[in-house]
Amino acid sequence: MEKTFINPSYKHFLHGGDYNPDQWQDYPEVLKEDMRLMQLANCNSMSVGIFACSW
């Protein structure tokens, strides 16, 4: 079976999830740790600011 890609120029698996940093604006150490953990988990795609309108 031949592989087909949505975007032939990006032949990688997207790994990530929703991330809502709005709740941590007063805690930069939490934001820094979140970034470290996302890198450790090899995340390459995040949905950011989903609920930012409430902030």
C-alpha atoms as a PDB file:
ATOM      1  CA  MET A   1       0.000   0.000   0.000  1.00  0.00           C
ATOM      2  CA  GLU A   2       1.385   3.381  -0.989  1.00  0.00           C
ATOM      3  CA  LYS A   3       1.464   6.153   1.627  1.00  0.00           C
ATOM      4  CA  THR A   4      -0.315   9.392   0.868  1.00  0.00           C
ATOM      5  CA  PHE A   5       0.322  12.561   2.824  1.00  0.00           C
ATOM      6  CA  ILE A   6      -1.896  15.599   3.390  1.00  0.00           C
ATOM      7  CA  ASN A   7       1.195  17.754   2.903  1.00  0.00           C
ATOM      8  CA  PRO A   8       3.908  15.911   0.935  1.00  0.00           C
ATOM      9  CA  SER A   9       6.566  18.358   2.161  1.00  0.00           C
ATOM     10  CA  TYR A  10       5.964  17.263   5.811  1.00  0.00           C
ATOM     11  CA  LYS A  11       6.197  13.493   6.115  1.00  0.00           C
ATOM     12  CA  HIS A  12       6.125  13.221   9.908  1.00  0.00           C
ATOM     13  CA  PHE A  13       3.626  12.135  12.505  1.00  0.00           C
ATOM     14  CA  LEU A  14       2.068  15.090  14.340  1.00  0.00           C
ATOM     15  CA  HIS A  15       2.306  14.646  18.103  1.00  0.00           C
ATOM     16  CA  GLY A  16       0.918  17.145  20.587  1.00  0.00           C
ATOM     17  CA  GLY A  17      -2.329  18.421  21.989  1.00  0.00           C
ATOM     18  CA  ASP A  18      -4.149  21.428  23.386  1.00  0.00           C
ATOM     19  CA  TYR A  19      -2.080  23.803  25.487  1.00  0.00           C
ATOM     20  CA  ASN A  20      -3.694  26.681  27.348  1.00  0.00           C
ATOM     21  CA  PRO A  21      -0.951  28.795  28.942  1.00  0.00           C
ATOM     22  CA  ASP A  22      -3.430  31.578  29.821  1.00  0.00           C
ATOM     23  CA  GLN A  23      -3.905  30.177  33.315  1.00  0.00           C
ATOM     24  CA  TRP A  24      -0.153  30.309  34.037  1.00  0.00           C
ATOM     25  CA  GLN A  25       0.628  33.930  33.071  1.00  0.00           C
ATOM     26  CA  ASP A  26       1.651  34.741  36.655  1.00  0.00           C
ATOM     27  CA  TYR A  27       3.829  31.608  36.957  1.00  0.00           C
ATOM     28  CA  PRO A  28       6.692  31.685  34.431  1.00  0.00           C
ATOM     29  CA  GLU A  29       8.301  28.661  36.098  1.00  0.00           C
ATOM     30  CA  VAL A  30       5.239  26.573  35.162  1.00  0.00           C
ATOM     31  CA  LEU A  31       5.431  27.736  31.538  1.00  0.00           C
ATOM     32  CA  LYS A  32       9.133  26.880  31.406  1.00  0.00           C
ATOM     33  CA  GLU A  33       8.521  23.416  32.859  1.00  0.00           C
ATOM     34  CA  ASP A  34       5.655  22.828  30.415  1.00  0.00           C
ATOM     35  CA  MET A  35       7.983  23.614  27.491  1.00  0.00           C
ATOM     36  CA  ARG A  36      10.624  21.258  28.890  1.00  0.00           C
ATOM     37  CA  LEU A  37       8.103  18.433  29.234  1.00  0.00           C
ATOM     38  CA  MET A  38       6.694  18.990  25.732  1.00  0.00           C
ATOM     39  CA  GLN A  39      10.214  18.799  24.294  1.00  0.00           C
ATOM     40  CA  LEU A  40      10.933  15.672  26.341  1.00  0.00           C
ATOM     41  CA  ALA A  41       7.773  14.091  24.911  1.00  0.00           C
ATOM     42  CA  ASN A  42       8.867  15.112  21.370  1.00  0.00           C
ATOM     43  CA  CYS A  43       5.733  17.197  20.797  1.00  0.00           C
ATOM     44  CA  ASN A  44       5.833  18.934  17.436  1.00  0.00           C
ATOM     45  CA  SER A  45       2.286  20.303  17.207  1.00  0.00           C
ATOM     46  CA  MET A  46       0.253  22.199  19.795  1.00  0.00           C
ATOM     47  CA  SER A  47      -3.100  23.988  19.700  1.00  0.00           C
ATOM     48  CA  VAL A  48      -2.543  27.192  21.646  1.00  0.00           C
ATOM     49  CA  GLY A  49      -4.927  29.868  22.861  1.00  0.00           C
ATOM     50  CA  ILE A  50      -8.157  27.917  22.484  1.00  0.00           C
ATOM     51  CA  PHE A  51      -9.656  29.724  25.491  1.00  0.00           C
ATOM     52  CA  ALA A  52      -7.568  32.904  25.244  1.00  0.00           C
ATOM     53  CA  CYS A  53     -10.632  35.055  24.596  1.00  0.00           C
ATOM     54  CA  SER A  54     -11.672  34.564  28.238  1.00  0.00           C
ATOM     55  CA  TRP A  55      -8.330  35.877  29.464  1.00  0.00           C
END
